[in-house]
Amino acid sequence: MSEKPKGGVIEMTDVSVVALRDTTTLALEHVNWSVAPGEFWVIGGLQLTGKTDLLMTTAGLSLPASGGYRLFGYETRLFEEAELAMRLRLGFVFDGGNLFNHLTIAENVALPLRYHKNLTPHDAAPAVQEILELLDLLPLADITPANVAAGWRQRVALARALVLKPEVLVLDNPLRGLAGRHWEWWMDFLEQLRRGHEWFAAIPMTIVASTEDLRHWRAGERHFALLRDKQFVRVGTWNEVLASADPVVKELLAAPAGATV
C-alpha cells in the first residue's frame, strides 16, 4: 500500500460525477470539495440535482467521470485489493434504506459483518445485538423489514451502516418522509456521533448527509453546500444559509413548518 498523503478525509479536485440514472450524462461538473475529520456536512438540493450521484461517488461506490478523488488519502481510481479496506472505514445509508425483505432486521444488520469479516451468524450476534440496542431496535430483531414502519426501516439501515464502526458516515436523504419523533431522534443521535459517541471510542465521526429540506438541519456545527445547475456550491454556516439570497436555498427552506420531512 502506498504512503498515505496528507489532506482531508474527503478530497475532490475538479471532479465530474456521472448521473446513475443515465450514465451517458454528467450530474455534476468541476466539484472541488474537502472534508476534514470530524466535520458535519449537509448537502442540499432539489430532486434530480445529483445528490445520490455525489454521495455514491463519495462512498467509492461509483468512480468520478473525471478529476481526482482521494478517500482517506487514497486515490479511488487506483484502489486495488489492499486499498479496498478503506471503503469499510465509511458507512453508507441509502435513500429508503435498501433492506432485504427476506431477511430479519438482525440478519440485515449482520450482513456487513458476515460479508466483509467472514463472521458466522453466531459470531456476529454480539455486535448486532449491541447496535440494535443502541438504536432502540432490539424488539424488532426477529421481524422482517416489510412488517415495520418506514421510520424504523431507515433506522435499521443506519444500524447496518454503523455495525462495522466506520470513521465516516454518508447518509442519502435520511429524513425523507419521517414524522417528528423520528427526525428528532436522528438529529439527537447524529449529534452524539459528531461529538464522539462512546460506542465508537468517543471519537468524533465525520458525517455527510443530503437533503431536500434544510429546516431540520440547523442545530450543531455544520457546513452547508448546495447542488444546482450541475455545480457544487458552498453556502457556509447555518446563519449564512438563512442570509442566502439564492432562490434554491429559499425553496429548500420554504416547506410548511407543520410538514414532515
C-alpha atoms as a PDB file:
ATOM      1  CA  MET A   1       0.000   0.000   0.000  1.00  0.00           C
ATOM      2  CA  SER A   2       1.381   3.404  -0.927  1.00  0.00           C
ATOM      3  CA  GLU A   3       2.178   6.056   1.674  1.00  0.00           C
ATOM      4  CA  LYS A   4      -0.910   7.949   2.721  1.00  0.00           C
ATOM      5  CA  PRO A   5      -0.862  11.567   1.520  1.00  0.00           C
ATOM      6  CA  LYS A   6      -1.817  14.369   3.875  1.00  0.00           C
ATOM      7  CA  GLY A   7      -5.181  16.106   3.499  1.00  0.00           C
ATOM      8  CA  GLY A   8      -8.842  15.727   4.350  1.00  0.00           C
ATOM      9  CA  VAL A   9     -10.858  12.566   4.717  1.00  0.00           C
ATOM     10  CA  ILE A  10     -12.692  13.501   1.503  1.00  0.00           C
ATOM     11  CA  GLU A  11     -10.753  15.432  -1.178  1.00  0.00           C
ATOM     12  CA  MET A  12     -12.358  16.099  -4.555  1.00  0.00           C
ATOM     13  CA  THR A  13     -10.469  18.103  -7.146  1.00  0.00           C
ATOM     14  CA  ASP A  14     -12.290  19.179 -10.333  1.00  0.00           C
ATOM     15  CA  VAL A  15     -14.463  16.048 -10.172  1.00  0.00           C
ATOM     16  CA  SER A  16     -17.231  15.337 -12.645  1.00  0.00           C
ATOM     17  CA  VAL A  17     -19.926  12.945 -11.391  1.00  0.00           C
ATOM     18  CA  VAL A  18     -21.828  10.510 -13.602  1.00  0.00           C
ATOM     19  CA  ALA A  19     -25.631  10.504 -13.405  1.00  0.00           C
ATOM     20  CA  LEU A  20     -26.551   6.979 -12.299  1.00  0.00           C
ATOM     21  CA  ARG A  21     -29.980   7.222 -13.943  1.00  0.00           C
ATOM     22  CA  ASP A  22     -28.230   7.879 -17.283  1.00  0.00           C
ATOM     23  CA  THR A  23     -24.536   7.041 -17.308  1.00  0.00           C
ATOM     24  CA  THR A  24     -24.023   8.875 -20.601  1.00  0.00           C
ATOM     25  CA  THR A  25     -24.623  12.224 -18.877  1.00  0.00           C
ATOM     26  CA  LEU A  26     -22.999  14.134 -16.029  1.00  0.00           C
ATOM     27  CA  ALA A  27     -24.911  15.026 -12.869  1.00  0.00           C
ATOM     28  CA  LEU A  28     -22.210  17.395 -11.599  1.00  0.00           C
ATOM     29  CA  GLU A  29     -19.118  19.061 -13.018  1.00  0.00           C
ATOM     30  CA  HIS A  30     -15.953  20.590 -11.556  1.00  0.00           C
ATOM     31  CA  VAL A  31     -16.632  19.647  -7.926  1.00  0.00           C
ATOM     32  CA  ASN A  32     -13.945  20.908  -5.563  1.00  0.00           C
ATOM     33  CA  TRP A  33     -14.683  19.786  -2.021  1.00  0.00           C
ATOM     34  CA  SER A  34     -12.641  18.966   1.063  1.00  0.00           C
ATOM     35  CA  VAL A  35     -13.977  17.427   4.282  1.00  0.00           C
ATOM     36  CA  ALA A  36     -11.771  17.340   7.370  1.00  0.00           C
ATOM     37  CA  PRO A  37     -12.071  14.624  10.043  1.00  0.00           C
ATOM     38  CA  GLY A  38     -14.983  15.278  12.392  1.00  0.00           C
ATOM     39  CA  GLU A  39     -16.835  17.722  10.141  1.00  0.00           C
ATOM     40  CA  PHE A  40     -20.584  17.505   9.539  1.00  0.00           C
ATOM     41  CA  TRP A  41     -21.709  18.475   6.036  1.00  0.00           C
ATOM     42  CA  VAL A  42     -25.277  18.879   4.797  1.00  0.00           C
ATOM     43  CA  ILE A  43     -25.708  18.868   1.004  1.00  0.00           C
ATOM     44  CA  GLY A  44     -28.999  20.422  -0.110  1.00  0.00           C
ATOM     45  CA  GLY A  45     -30.624  20.110  -3.493  1.00  0.00           C
ATOM     46  CA  LEU A  46     -33.936  19.749  -5.250  1.00  0.00           C
ATOM     47  CA  GLN A  47     -34.929  16.434  -6.843  1.00  0.00           C
ATOM     48  CA  LEU A  48     -32.695  15.145  -9.661  1.00  0.00           C
ATOM     49  CA  THR A  49     -29.841  17.557  -8.915  1.00  0.00           C
ATOM     50  CA  GLY A  50     -27.247  14.839  -8.307  1.00  0.00           C
ATOM     51  CA  LYS A  51     -27.340  14.294  -4.546  1.00  0.00           C
ATOM     52  CA  THR A  52     -27.343  10.493  -4.731  1.00  0.00           C
ATOM     53  CA  ASP A  53     -24.804  10.545  -7.569  1.00  0.00           C
ATOM     54  CA  LEU A  54     -22.413  12.683  -5.500  1.00  0.00           C
ATOM     55  CA  LEU A  55     -22.786  10.552  -2.375  1.00  0.00           C
ATOM     56  CA  MET A  56     -22.287   7.296  -4.284  1.00  0.00           C
ATOM     57  CA  THR A  57     -19.050   8.747  -5.644  1.00  0.00           C
ATOM     58  CA  THR A  58     -18.122   9.971  -2.159  1.00  0.00           C
ATOM     59  CA  ALA A  59     -18.568   6.440  -0.815  1.00  0.00           C
ATOM     60  CA  GLY A  60     -16.356   4.985  -3.540  1.00  0.00           C
ATOM     61  CA  LEU A  61     -19.304   3.075  -4.982  1.00  0.00           C
ATOM     62  CA  SER A  62     -19.067   4.987  -8.265  1.00  0.00           C
ATOM     63  CA  LEU A  63     -15.930   6.384  -9.874  1.00  0.00           C
ATOM     64  CA  PRO A  64     -15.650  10.028 -10.993  1.00  0.00           C
ATOM     65  CA  ALA A  65     -16.026  10.613 -14.711  1.00  0.00           C
ATOM     66  CA  SER A  66     -13.004  12.916 -14.473  1.00  0.00           C
ATOM     67  CA  GLY A  67     -10.938  14.732 -11.885  1.00  0.00           C
ATOM     68  CA  GLY A  68      -9.292  13.377  -8.756  1.00  0.00           C
ATOM     69  CA  TYR A  69     -10.911  11.949  -5.642  1.00  0.00           C
ATOM     70  CA  ARG A  70      -8.983  10.843  -2.578  1.00  0.00           C
ATOM     71  CA  LEU A  71     -10.782   8.958   0.186  1.00  0.00           C
ATOM     72  CA  PHE A  72      -8.732   8.746   3.399  1.00  0.00           C
ATOM     73  CA  GLY A  73      -5.822   9.997   1.315  1.00  0.00           C
ATOM     74  CA  TYR A  74      -6.038   7.298  -1.366  1.00  0.00           C
ATOM     75  CA  GLU A  75      -6.942   7.908  -4.997  1.00  0.00           C
ATOM     76  CA  THR A  76     -10.122   5.917  -5.616  1.00  0.00           C
ATOM     77  CA  ARG A  77      -9.243   5.264  -9.263  1.00  0.00           C
ATOM     78  CA  LEU A  78      -6.179   3.346  -8.082  1.00  0.00           C
ATOM     79  CA  PHE A  79      -7.939   1.165  -5.490  1.00  0.00           C
ATOM     80  CA  GLU A  80      -6.554  -2.348  -5.506  1.00  0.00           C
ATOM     81  CA  GLU A  81      -7.253  -5.241  -3.127  1.00  0.00           C
ATOM     82  CA  ALA A  82      -5.284  -3.721  -0.244  1.00  0.00           C
ATOM     83  CA  GLU A  83      -6.917  -0.301  -0.611  1.00  0.00           C
ATOM     84  CA  LEU A  84     -10.454  -1.697  -0.688  1.00  0.00           C
ATOM     85  CA  ALA A  85     -10.330  -1.832   3.110  1.00  0.00           C
ATOM     86  CA  MET A  86     -10.502   1.960   3.002  1.00  0.00           C
ATOM     87  CA  ARG A  87     -14.139   1.725   1.930  1.00  0.00           C
ATOM     88  CA  LEU A  88     -15.012  -0.194   5.092  1.00  0.00           C
ATOM     89  CA  ARG A  89     -13.997   2.869   7.076  1.00  0.00           C
ATOM     90  CA  LEU A  90     -17.027   4.579   5.535  1.00  0.00           C
ATOM     91  CA  GLY A  91     -20.640   3.622   6.246  1.00  0.00           C
ATOM     92  CA  PHE A  92     -23.396   4.406   3.742  1.00  0.00           C
ATOM     93  CA  VAL A  93     -27.153   4.745   4.347  1.00  0.00           C
ATOM     94  CA  PHE A  94     -29.153   4.522   1.128  1.00  0.00           C
ATOM     95  CA  ASP A  95     -32.199   6.665   0.471  1.00  0.00           C
ATOM     96  CA  GLY A  96     -35.074   4.446   1.607  1.00  0.00           C
ATOM     97  CA  GLY A  97     -32.756   2.014   3.377  1.00  0.00           C
ATOM     98  CA  ASN A  98     -32.426  -0.706   0.690  1.00  0.00           C
ATOM     99  CA  LEU A  99     -33.051  -3.528   3.152  1.00  0.00           C
ATOM    100  CA  PHE A 100     -33.585  -7.157   2.164  1.00  0.00           C
ATOM    101  CA  ASN A 101     -37.173  -8.138   2.875  1.00  0.00           C
ATOM    102  CA  HIS A 102     -36.443 -11.877   3.014  1.00  0.00           C
ATOM    103  CA  LEU A 103     -34.088 -11.332   5.971  1.00  0.00           C
ATOM    104  CA  THR A 104     -34.940 -10.308   9.519  1.00  0.00           C
ATOM    105  CA  ILE A 105     -33.863  -6.953  10.928  1.00  0.00           C
ATOM    106  CA  ALA A 106     -30.991  -8.641  12.781  1.00  0.00           C
ATOM    107  CA  GLU A 107     -29.913 -10.524   9.651  1.00  0.00           C
ATOM    108  CA  ASN A 108     -29.893  -7.296   7.620  1.00  0.00           C
ATOM    109  CA  VAL A 109     -27.694  -5.578  10.193  1.00  0.00           C
ATOM    110  CA  ALA A 110     -25.352  -8.580  10.335  1.00  0.00           C
ATOM    111  CA  LEU A 111     -24.647  -8.540   6.584  1.00  0.00           C
ATOM    112  CA  PRO A 112     -21.528  -6.308   6.697  1.00  0.00           C
ATOM    113  CA  LEU A 113     -20.022  -8.463   9.438  1.00  0.00           C
ATOM    114  CA  ARG A 114     -20.763 -11.677   7.562  1.00  0.00           C
ATOM    115  CA  TYR A 115     -19.706 -10.431   4.134  1.00  0.00           C
ATOM    116  CA  HIS A 116     -16.679  -8.283   4.990  1.00  0.00           C
ATOM    117  CA  LYS A 117     -15.469 -10.007   8.175  1.00  0.00           C
ATOM    118  CA  ASN A 118     -16.498 -13.579   7.300  1.00  0.00           C
ATOM    119  CA  LEU A 119     -18.230 -13.986  10.655  1.00  0.00           C
ATOM    120  CA  THR A 120     -20.751 -16.716  11.279  1.00  0.00           C
ATOM    121  CA  PRO A 121     -24.231 -15.680  12.481  1.00  0.00           C
ATOM    122  CA  HIS A 122     -23.213 -16.832  15.976  1.00  0.00           C
ATOM    123  CA  ASP A 123     -20.004 -14.767  15.984  1.00  0.00           C
ATOM    124  CA  ALA A 124     -21.750 -11.687  14.560  1.00  0.00           C
ATOM    125  CA  ALA A 125     -24.603 -11.823  17.062  1.00  0.00           C
ATOM    126  CA  PRO A 126     -22.996  -9.865  19.964  1.00  0.00           C
ATOM    127  CA  ALA A 127     -22.127  -6.845  17.808  1.00  0.00           C
ATOM    128  CA  VAL A 128     -25.539  -6.961  16.119  1.00  0.00           C
ATOM    129  CA  GLN A 129     -27.302  -7.049  19.466  1.00  0.00           C
ATOM    130  CA  GLU A 130     -25.240  -4.103  20.731  1.00  0.00           C
ATOM    131  CA  ILE A 131     -26.002  -1.853  17.770  1.00  0.00           C
ATOM    132  CA  LEU A 132     -29.687  -2.820  17.753  1.00  0.00           C
ATOM    133  CA  GLU A 133     -29.910  -1.971  21.435  1.00  0.00           C
ATOM    134  CA  LEU A 134     -28.082   1.314  20.882  1.00  0.00           C
ATOM    135  CA  LEU A 135     -30.602   2.348  18.213  1.00  0.00           C
ATOM    136  CA  ASP A 136     -33.665   1.080  20.155  1.00  0.00           C
ATOM    137  CA  LEU A 137     -34.234  -1.669  17.581  1.00  0.00           C
ATOM    138  CA  LEU A 138     -33.790  -4.778  19.694  1.00  0.00           C
ATOM    139  CA  PRO A 139     -37.548  -5.527  19.945  1.00  0.00           C
ATOM    140  CA  LEU A 140     -37.647  -5.683  16.129  1.00  0.00           C
ATOM    141  CA  ALA A 141     -34.682  -8.046  15.720  1.00  0.00           C
ATOM    142  CA  ASP A 142     -36.653 -11.066  14.509  1.00  0.00           C
ATOM    143  CA  ILE A 143     -39.132  -9.161  12.299  1.00  0.00           C
ATOM    144  CA  THR A 144     -38.710  -8.688   8.569  1.00  0.00           C
ATOM    145  CA  PRO A 145     -38.488  -5.106   7.195  1.00  0.00           C
ATOM    146  CA  ALA A 146     -41.827  -5.265   5.376  1.00  0.00           C
ATOM    147  CA  ASN A 147     -43.544  -5.610   8.745  1.00  0.00           C
ATOM    148  CA  VAL A 148     -42.164  -2.434  10.338  1.00  0.00           C
ATOM    149  CA  ALA A 149     -42.881   1.213   9.578  1.00  0.00           C
ATOM    150  CA  ALA A 150     -40.652   3.218   7.220  1.00  0.00           C
ATOM    151  CA  GLY A 151     -39.174   5.289  10.040  1.00  0.00           C
ATOM    152  CA  TRP A 152     -37.898   2.157  11.757  1.00  0.00           C
ATOM    153  CA  ARG A 153     -36.608   0.689   8.491  1.00  0.00           C
ATOM    154  CA  GLN A 154     -34.489   3.787   7.972  1.00  0.00           C
ATOM    155  CA  ARG A 155     -33.048   3.344  11.447  1.00  0.00           C
ATOM    156  CA  VAL A 156     -32.235  -0.287  10.624  1.00  0.00           C
ATOM    157  CA  ALA A 157     -30.298   0.937   7.581  1.00  0.00           C
ATOM    158  CA  LEU A 158     -28.339   3.213   9.904  1.00  0.00           C
ATOM    159  CA  ALA A 159     -27.570   0.297  12.218  1.00  0.00           C
ATOM    160  CA  ARG A 160     -26.293  -1.723   9.251  1.00  0.00           C
ATOM    161  CA  ALA A 161     -24.039   1.171   8.207  1.00  0.00           C
ATOM    162  CA  LEU A 162     -22.647   1.581  11.730  1.00  0.00           C
ATOM    163  CA  VAL A 163     -22.083  -2.050  12.728  1.00  0.00           C
ATOM    164  CA  LEU A 164     -18.506  -2.003  11.345  1.00  0.00           C
ATOM    165  CA  LYS A 165     -17.826   1.166  13.379  1.00  0.00           C
ATOM    166  CA  PRO A 166     -16.853   3.411  10.443  1.00  0.00           C
ATOM    167  CA  GLU A 167     -14.999   6.704  10.735  1.00  0.00           C
ATOM    168  CA  VAL A 168     -17.179   8.408   8.103  1.00  0.00           C
ATOM    169  CA  LEU A 169     -20.957   8.167   7.771  1.00  0.00           C
ATOM    170  CA  VAL A 170     -22.670   9.120   4.496  1.00  0.00           C
ATOM    171  CA  LEU A 171     -26.476   9.439   4.522  1.00  0.00           C
ATOM    172  CA  ASP A 172     -28.574   9.870   1.402  1.00  0.00           C
ATOM    173  CA  ASN A 173     -31.689  11.892   2.287  1.00  0.00           C
ATOM    174  CA  PRO A 174     -32.123  10.079   5.639  1.00  0.00           C
ATOM    175  CA  LEU A 175     -35.057  12.211   6.874  1.00  0.00           C
ATOM    176  CA  ARG A 176     -37.272  11.757   3.819  1.00  0.00           C
ATOM    177  CA  GLY A 177     -40.848  11.128   4.935  1.00  0.00           C
ATOM    178  CA  LEU A 178     -40.054  10.833   8.645  1.00  0.00           C
ATOM    179  CA  ALA A 179     -42.507  12.062  11.255  1.00  0.00           C
ATOM    180  CA  GLY A 180     -41.405  14.354  14.076  1.00  0.00           C
ATOM    181  CA  ARG A 181     -40.360  11.804  16.685  1.00  0.00           C
ATOM    182  CA  HIS A 182     -38.147  10.010  14.197  1.00  0.00           C
ATOM    183  CA  TRP A 183     -36.329  13.042  12.803  1.00  0.00           C
ATOM    184  CA  GLU A 184     -35.850  14.377  16.333  1.00  0.00           C
ATOM    185  CA  TRP A 185     -34.215  11.064  17.261  1.00  0.00           C
ATOM    186  CA  TRP A 186     -31.999  11.256  14.181  1.00  0.00           C
ATOM    187  CA  MET A 187     -30.871  14.800  14.962  1.00  0.00           C
ATOM    188  CA  ASP A 188     -30.003  13.863  18.522  1.00  0.00           C
ATOM    189  CA  PHE A 189     -28.192  10.655  17.600  1.00  0.00           C
ATOM    190  CA  LEU A 190     -26.209  12.183  14.724  1.00  0.00           C
ATOM    191  CA  GLU A 191     -25.099  14.980  17.031  1.00  0.00           C
ATOM    192  CA  GLN A 192     -23.880  12.358  19.502  1.00  0.00           C
ATOM    193  CA  LEU A 193     -21.883  10.735  16.696  1.00  0.00           C
ATOM    194  CA  ARG A 194     -20.436  14.087  15.650  1.00  0.00           C
ATOM    195  CA  ARG A 195     -19.299  14.822  19.183  1.00  0.00           C
ATOM    196  CA  GLY A 196     -17.942  11.307  19.713  1.00  0.00           C
ATOM    197  CA  HIS A 197     -20.238   8.521  20.904  1.00  0.00           C
ATOM    198  CA  GLU A 198     -18.780   6.140  23.498  1.00  0.00           C
ATOM    199  CA  TRP A 199     -19.711   3.101  21.332  1.00  0.00           C
ATOM    200  CA  PHE A 200     -17.271   4.496  18.745  1.00  0.00           C
ATOM    201  CA  ALA A 201     -14.470   5.050  21.265  1.00  0.00           C
ATOM    202  CA  ALA A 202     -15.666   8.654  21.801  1.00  0.00           C
ATOM    203  CA  ILE A 203     -14.001   9.666  18.506  1.00  0.00           C
ATOM    204  CA  PRO A 204     -15.934  12.354  16.593  1.00  0.00           C
ATOM    205  CA  MET A 205     -17.425  10.896  13.419  1.00  0.00           C
ATOM    206  CA  THR A 206     -17.251  12.635  10.046  1.00  0.00           C
ATOM    207  CA  ILE A 207     -20.786  12.926   8.641  1.00  0.00           C
ATOM    208  CA  VAL A 208     -22.140  13.879   5.216  1.00  0.00           C
ATOM    209  CA  ALA A 209     -25.903  13.980   4.644  1.00  0.00           C
ATOM    210  CA  SER A 210     -28.044  15.045   1.695  1.00  0.00           C
ATOM    211  CA  THR A 211     -31.467  16.630   1.946  1.00  0.00           C
ATOM    212  CA  GLU A 212     -34.300  18.266   0.024  1.00  0.00           C
ATOM    213  CA  ASP A 213     -35.380  20.174   3.148  1.00  0.00           C
ATOM    214  CA  LEU A 214     -32.903  22.247   5.157  1.00  0.00           C
ATOM    215  CA  ARG A 215     -35.214  23.163   8.021  1.00  0.00           C
ATOM    216  CA  HIS A 216     -34.303  20.426  10.447  1.00  0.00           C
ATOM    217  CA  TRP A 217     -30.520  20.563   9.963  1.00  0.00           C
ATOM    218  CA  ARG A 218     -29.961  23.884  11.674  1.00  0.00           C
ATOM    219  CA  ALA A 219     -28.637  22.676  15.043  1.00  0.00           C
ATOM    220  CA  GLY A 220     -24.986  21.912  15.743  1.00  0.00           C
ATOM    221  CA  GLU A 221     -21.764  22.828  13.984  1.00  0.00           C
ATOM    222  CA  ARG A 222     -22.482  22.071  10.342  1.00  0.00           C
ATOM    223  CA  HIS A 223     -21.228  23.044   6.924  1.00  0.00           C
ATOM    224  CA  PHE A 224     -23.817  23.559   4.194  1.00  0.00           C
ATOM    225  CA  ALA A 225     -23.494  23.209   0.436  1.00  0.00           C
ATOM    226  CA  LEU A 226     -25.943  23.307  -2.446  1.00  0.00           C
ATOM    227  CA  LEU A 227     -26.278  21.398  -5.722  1.00  0.00           C
ATOM    228  CA  ARG A 228     -27.742  23.325  -8.652  1.00  0.00           C
ATOM    229  CA  ASP A 229     -27.078  23.637 -12.369  1.00  0.00           C
ATOM    230  CA  LYS A 230     -24.594  20.739 -12.150  1.00  0.00           C
ATOM    231  CA  GLN A 231     -22.488  22.710  -9.681  1.00  0.00           C
ATOM    232  CA  PHE A 232     -21.391  22.118  -6.085  1.00  0.00           C
ATOM    233  CA  VAL A 233     -21.833  25.454  -4.298  1.00  0.00           C
ATOM    234  CA  ARG A 234     -20.600  26.088  -0.768  1.00  0.00           C
ATOM    235  CA  VAL A 235     -23.087  28.047   1.337  1.00  0.00           C
ATOM    236  CA  GLY A 236     -21.360  28.066   4.730  1.00  0.00           C
ATOM    237  CA  THR A 237     -22.826  28.043   8.226  1.00  0.00           C
ATOM    238  CA  TRP A 238     -26.495  27.927   9.169  1.00  0.00           C
ATOM    239  CA  ASN A 239     -26.520  31.720   9.562  1.00  0.00           C
ATOM    240  CA  GLU A 240     -25.197  32.009   6.014  1.00  0.00           C
ATOM    241  CA  VAL A 241     -27.932  29.652   4.840  1.00  0.00           C
ATOM    242  CA  LEU A 242     -30.551  31.932   6.401  1.00  0.00           C
ATOM    243  CA  ALA A 243     -28.936  35.024   4.863  1.00  0.00           C
ATOM    244  CA  SER A 244     -28.576  33.490   1.380  1.00  0.00           C
ATOM    245  CA  ALA A 245     -30.453  35.131  -1.482  1.00  0.00           C
ATOM    246  CA  ASP A 246     -30.109  32.002  -3.635  1.00  0.00           C
ATOM    247  CA  PRO A 247     -33.631  31.024  -4.791  1.00  0.00           C
ATOM    248  CA  VAL A 248     -32.851  27.322  -4.424  1.00  0.00           C
ATOM    249  CA  VAL A 249     -31.783  27.804  -0.807  1.00  0.00           C
ATOM    250  CA  LYS A 250     -35.009  29.689  -0.179  1.00  0.00           C
ATOM    251  CA  GLU A 251     -37.002  26.854  -1.737  1.00  0.00           C
ATOM    252  CA  LEU A 252     -35.219  24.293   0.447  1.00  0.00           C
ATOM    253  CA  LEU A 253     -36.226  26.362   3.477  1.00  0.00           C
ATOM    254  CA  ALA A 254     -39.791  27.020   2.394  1.00  0.00           C
ATOM    255  CA  ALA A 255     -41.599  23.779   3.314  1.00  0.00           C
ATOM    256  CA  PRO A 256     -44.555  24.383   5.666  1.00  0.00           C
ATOM    257  CA  ALA A 257     -43.427  24.232   9.284  1.00  0.00           C
ATOM    258  CA  GLY A 258     -46.012  21.561  10.130  1.00  0.00           C
ATOM    259  CA  ALA A 259     -44.975  19.182   7.344  1.00  0.00           C
ATOM    260  CA  THR A 260     -42.988  16.024   7.871  1.00  0.00           C
ATOM    261  CA  VAL A 261     -39.587  15.772   6.265  1.00  0.00           C
END
